[in-house]
C-alpha cells in the first residue's frame, strides 16, 4: 500500500468529520436567525420528498426572523406543516404569502442545554478523528509487516499524529466559536 495514499485517505476522513461537525453546528439555533437551521426539513413536492430549499426562498430579513417564501402558492400549507412537524421548535406564522419564523430569545437553561449538545457533537467528532488516525496507523503497521522500512513507518505514524492534532484543534476551535455564539445574549 502506498504510504502517501494512507496519509491522504486518513486526512480526507478527518476533513469529512470537520465538515459534518460544521454542518451539525449550523443546525443548532443560537438565538439568532440562521437559514441553515431549516436545512434538515424535507417537504413532499408532487410525490417526492425534497429539501425545503428546493421549493422555497429562505431569507433572514432581520436577526430575529426567518422568512420562507414558497415558489408556488399551493406549497404554503405543505411547507408550514413540514416546519411544524420538524424538530426546529419554532411555530411558523403563515400570512398567505410568506411564512415567518420568529426566533425566540433563548433562556439560560436552554443555552446551557445547547452548549452540552455542541460539546457532545464535538466529542463524537474527536472520536471519529481518532478512529481515522488509528485506522491509518494500522494500515502503516500492516505495510511494515509487508516489507516497508520501520523508520519510514514511524515517520508516517508521526505525520498521522500531527494531522490528528491539527484536526482536533479545528474541532476545539469550532466548538469554542459555537459556544461563544450560543452564550452571547
Protein backbone atom coordinates (compact mmCIF):
# COMPACT_ATOMS: atom_id res chain seq x y z
CA UNK A 1 0.00 0.00 0.00
CA UNK A 2 1.30 3.45 -0.91
CA UNK A 3 2.21 5.48 2.19
CA UNK A 4 1.07 8.83 0.76
CA UNK A 5 -2.27 7.23 -0.10
CA UNK A 6 -2.72 6.14 3.55
CA UNK A 7 -1.95 9.68 4.73
CA UNK A 8 -4.31 11.26 2.17
CA UNK A 9 -7.19 8.90 2.96
CA UNK A 10 -6.78 9.50 6.68
CA UNK A 11 -6.72 13.27 6.19
CA UNK A 12 -9.81 13.08 3.92
CA UNK A 13 -11.72 11.15 6.60
CA UNK A 14 -10.78 13.78 9.18
CA UNK A 15 -11.77 16.60 6.83
CA UNK A 16 -15.17 14.99 6.24
CA UNK A 17 -15.63 14.80 10.01
CA UNK A 18 -14.94 18.54 10.30
CA UNK A 19 -17.41 19.30 7.50
CA UNK A 20 -20.06 17.13 9.17
CA UNK A 21 -19.47 18.86 12.53
CA UNK A 22 -19.72 22.29 10.93
CA UNK A 23 -22.96 21.27 9.23
CA UNK A 24 -24.32 19.89 12.51
CA UNK A 25 -23.40 23.07 14.39
CA UNK A 26 -25.11 25.21 11.76
CA UNK A 27 -28.43 23.48 12.50
CA UNK A 28 -28.23 24.30 16.21
CA UNK A 29 -30.02 27.57 16.68
CA UNK A 30 -28.27 30.03 18.91
CA UNK A 31 -30.89 32.73 19.36
CA UNK A 32 -30.02 34.38 16.06
CA UNK A 33 -31.84 33.85 12.76
CA UNK A 34 -29.87 31.44 10.57
CA UNK A 35 -31.47 29.91 7.46
CA UNK A 36 -29.34 26.77 7.85
CA UNK A 37 -31.43 25.60 10.83
CA UNK A 38 -34.05 24.68 8.22
CA UNK A 39 -31.59 22.54 6.18
CA UNK A 40 -32.88 19.26 7.62
CA UNK A 41 -36.52 19.92 6.71
CA UNK A 42 -37.94 17.89 3.82
CA UNK A 43 -41.26 18.59 2.08
CA UNK A 44 -43.49 16.48 -0.15
CA UNK A 45 -43.31 18.05 -3.61
CA UNK A 46 -45.51 16.32 -6.19
CA UNK A 47 -44.87 12.87 -4.79
CA UNK A 48 -41.17 13.16 -3.97
CA UNK A 49 -39.58 14.34 -0.75
CA UNK A 50 -37.16 17.22 -1.35
CA UNK A 51 -35.24 19.69 0.85
CA UNK A 52 -37.16 22.84 1.80
CA UNK A 53 -34.62 25.00 -0.07
CA UNK A 54 -35.67 23.27 -3.34
CA UNK A 55 -39.23 24.63 -3.15
CA UNK A 56 -38.84 27.99 -1.38
CA UNK A 57 -36.62 31.02 -0.91
CA UNK A 58 -35.30 31.24 2.65
CA UNK A 59 -34.13 34.66 3.88
CA UNK A 60 -33.37 36.45 7.14
CA UNK A 61 -34.79 39.98 6.96
CA UNK A 62 -33.51 40.70 10.48
CA UNK A 63 -31.63 38.98 13.31
CA UNK A 64 -34.78 37.50 14.87
CA UNK A 65 -36.78 36.42 11.81
CA UNK A 66 -36.51 33.77 9.12
CA UNK A 67 -38.77 34.23 6.11
CA UNK A 68 -39.75 31.28 3.88
CA UNK A 69 -41.39 32.13 0.57
CA UNK A 70 -42.53 29.08 -1.42
CA UNK A 71 -42.19 29.46 -5.18
CA UNK A 72 -45.70 28.05 -5.67
CA UNK A 73 -48.60 29.37 -3.61
CA UNK A 74 -50.16 25.91 -3.12
CA UNK A 75 -46.95 24.82 -1.31
CA UNK A 76 -47.59 27.24 1.60
CA UNK A 77 -49.59 24.73 3.68
CA UNK A 78 -47.20 21.85 2.89
CA UNK A 79 -44.15 23.92 3.88
CA UNK A 80 -45.87 25.20 7.02
CA UNK A 81 -46.78 21.65 8.09
CA UNK A 82 -43.23 20.41 7.39
CA UNK A 83 -41.80 23.16 9.62
CA UNK A 84 -44.31 22.39 12.40
CA UNK A 85 -43.54 18.66 12.25
CA UNK A 86 -39.77 19.23 12.31
CA UNK A 87 -37.58 19.44 15.39
CA UNK A 88 -36.82 23.16 14.84
CA UNK A 89 -39.14 24.07 17.71
CA UNK A 90 -40.49 27.30 16.19
CA UNK A 91 -44.14 27.84 15.30
CA UNK A 92 -44.48 29.23 11.76
CA UNK A 93 -46.73 32.22 11.02
CA UNK A 94 -48.44 31.99 7.62
CA UNK A 95 -49.90 35.23 6.20
CA UNK A 96 -50.99 33.71 2.85
CA UNK A 97 -47.88 34.98 1.03
CA UNK A 98 -44.88 34.00 3.15
CA UNK A 99 -44.14 32.01 6.27
CA UNK A 100 -42.34 33.84 9.06
CA UNK A 101 -40.42 32.16 11.84
CA UNK A 102 -39.79 34.38 14.84
CA UNK A 103 -36.65 33.23 16.66
CA UNK A 104 -37.43 33.42 20.38
CA UNK A 105 -34.71 34.54 22.77
CA UNK A 106 -33.03 31.61 24.48
CA UNK A 107 -33.41 31.05 28.19
CA UNK A 108 -30.30 30.48 30.29
CA UNK A 109 -31.28 26.83 30.76
CA UNK A 110 -31.75 26.35 27.01
CA UNK A 111 -28.36 27.95 26.33
CA UNK A 112 -26.69 25.51 28.73
CA UNK A 113 -28.53 22.62 27.08
CA UNK A 114 -27.33 23.76 23.63
CA UNK A 115 -23.75 24.06 24.89
CA UNK A 116 -23.97 20.47 26.22
CA UNK A 117 -25.32 19.35 22.85
CA UNK A 118 -22.50 21.06 20.93
CA UNK A 119 -19.95 19.62 23.38
CA UNK A 120 -21.38 16.12 22.74
CA UNK A 121 -21.21 16.65 18.96
CA UNK A 122 -17.61 17.85 19.18
CA UNK A 123 -16.63 14.83 21.32
CA UNK A 124 -18.15 12.50 18.72
CA UNK A 125 -16.16 14.31 16.02
CA UNK A 126 -12.97 13.84 18.04
CA UNK A 127 -13.72 10.12 18.37
CA UNK A 128 -14.20 9.90 14.61
CA UNK A 129 -10.88 11.68 14.03
CA UNK A 130 -9.10 9.36 16.47
CA UNK A 131 -10.61 6.34 14.71
CA UNK A 132 -9.36 7.63 11.35
CA UNK A 133 -5.87 8.04 12.83
CA UNK A 134 -5.97 4.54 14.33
CA UNK A 135 -7.07 3.02 11.01
CA UNK A 136 -4.24 4.85 9.23
CA UNK A 137 -1.68 3.65 11.78
CA UNK A 138 -3.00 0.07 11.48
CA UNK A 139 -2.50 0.22 7.71
CA UNK A 140 1.03 1.55 8.19
CA UNK A 141 1.82 -1.30 10.62
CA UNK A 142 0.47 -3.78 8.08
CA UNK A 143 2.69 -2.20 5.42
CA UNK A 144 5.71 -2.53 7.75
CA UNK A 145 4.92 -6.25 8.14
CA UNK A 146 4.73 -6.50 4.35
CA UNK A 147 8.24 -5.11 3.94
CA UNK A 148 8.14 -1.35 4.46
CA UNK A 149 11.12 0.01 6.41
CA UNK A 150 10.35 0.51 10.10
CA UNK A 151 11.77 4.04 10.26
CA UNK A 152 9.55 5.11 7.35
CA UNK A 153 6.58 3.53 9.18
CA UNK A 154 7.42 5.52 12.33
CA UNK A 155 7.74 8.74 10.30
CA UNK A 156 4.32 8.17 8.74
CA UNK A 157 2.82 7.44 12.18
CA UNK A 158 4.27 10.74 13.41
CA UNK A 159 2.80 12.52 10.37
CA UNK A 160 -0.60 10.97 11.07
CA UNK A 161 -0.35 12.15 14.69
CA UNK A 162 0.42 15.71 13.54
CA UNK A 163 -2.57 15.63 11.16
CA UNK A 164 -4.71 14.27 14.02
CA UNK A 165 -3.58 17.09 16.33
CA UNK A 166 -4.37 19.70 13.66
CA UNK A 167 -7.92 18.37 13.20
CA UNK A 168 -8.56 18.02 16.94
CA UNK A 169 -7.61 21.71 17.25
CA UNK A 170 -10.09 22.54 14.46
CA UNK A 171 -12.82 20.72 16.41
CA UNK A 172 -11.92 22.65 19.56
CA UNK A 173 -11.96 25.95 17.63
CA UNK A 174 -15.36 25.17 16.07
CA UNK A 175 -16.75 24.26 19.49
CA UNK A 176 -15.36 27.41 21.11
CA UNK A 177 -16.87 29.60 18.37
CA UNK A 178 -20.29 27.90 18.61
CA UNK A 179 -20.24 28.05 22.42
CA UNK A 180 -19.48 31.79 22.25
CA UNK A 181 -22.33 32.25 19.74
CA UNK A 182 -24.78 30.36 21.97
CA UNK A 183 -23.81 32.15 25.18
CA UNK A 184 -23.81 35.64 23.63
CA UNK A 185 -27.06 37.31 24.65
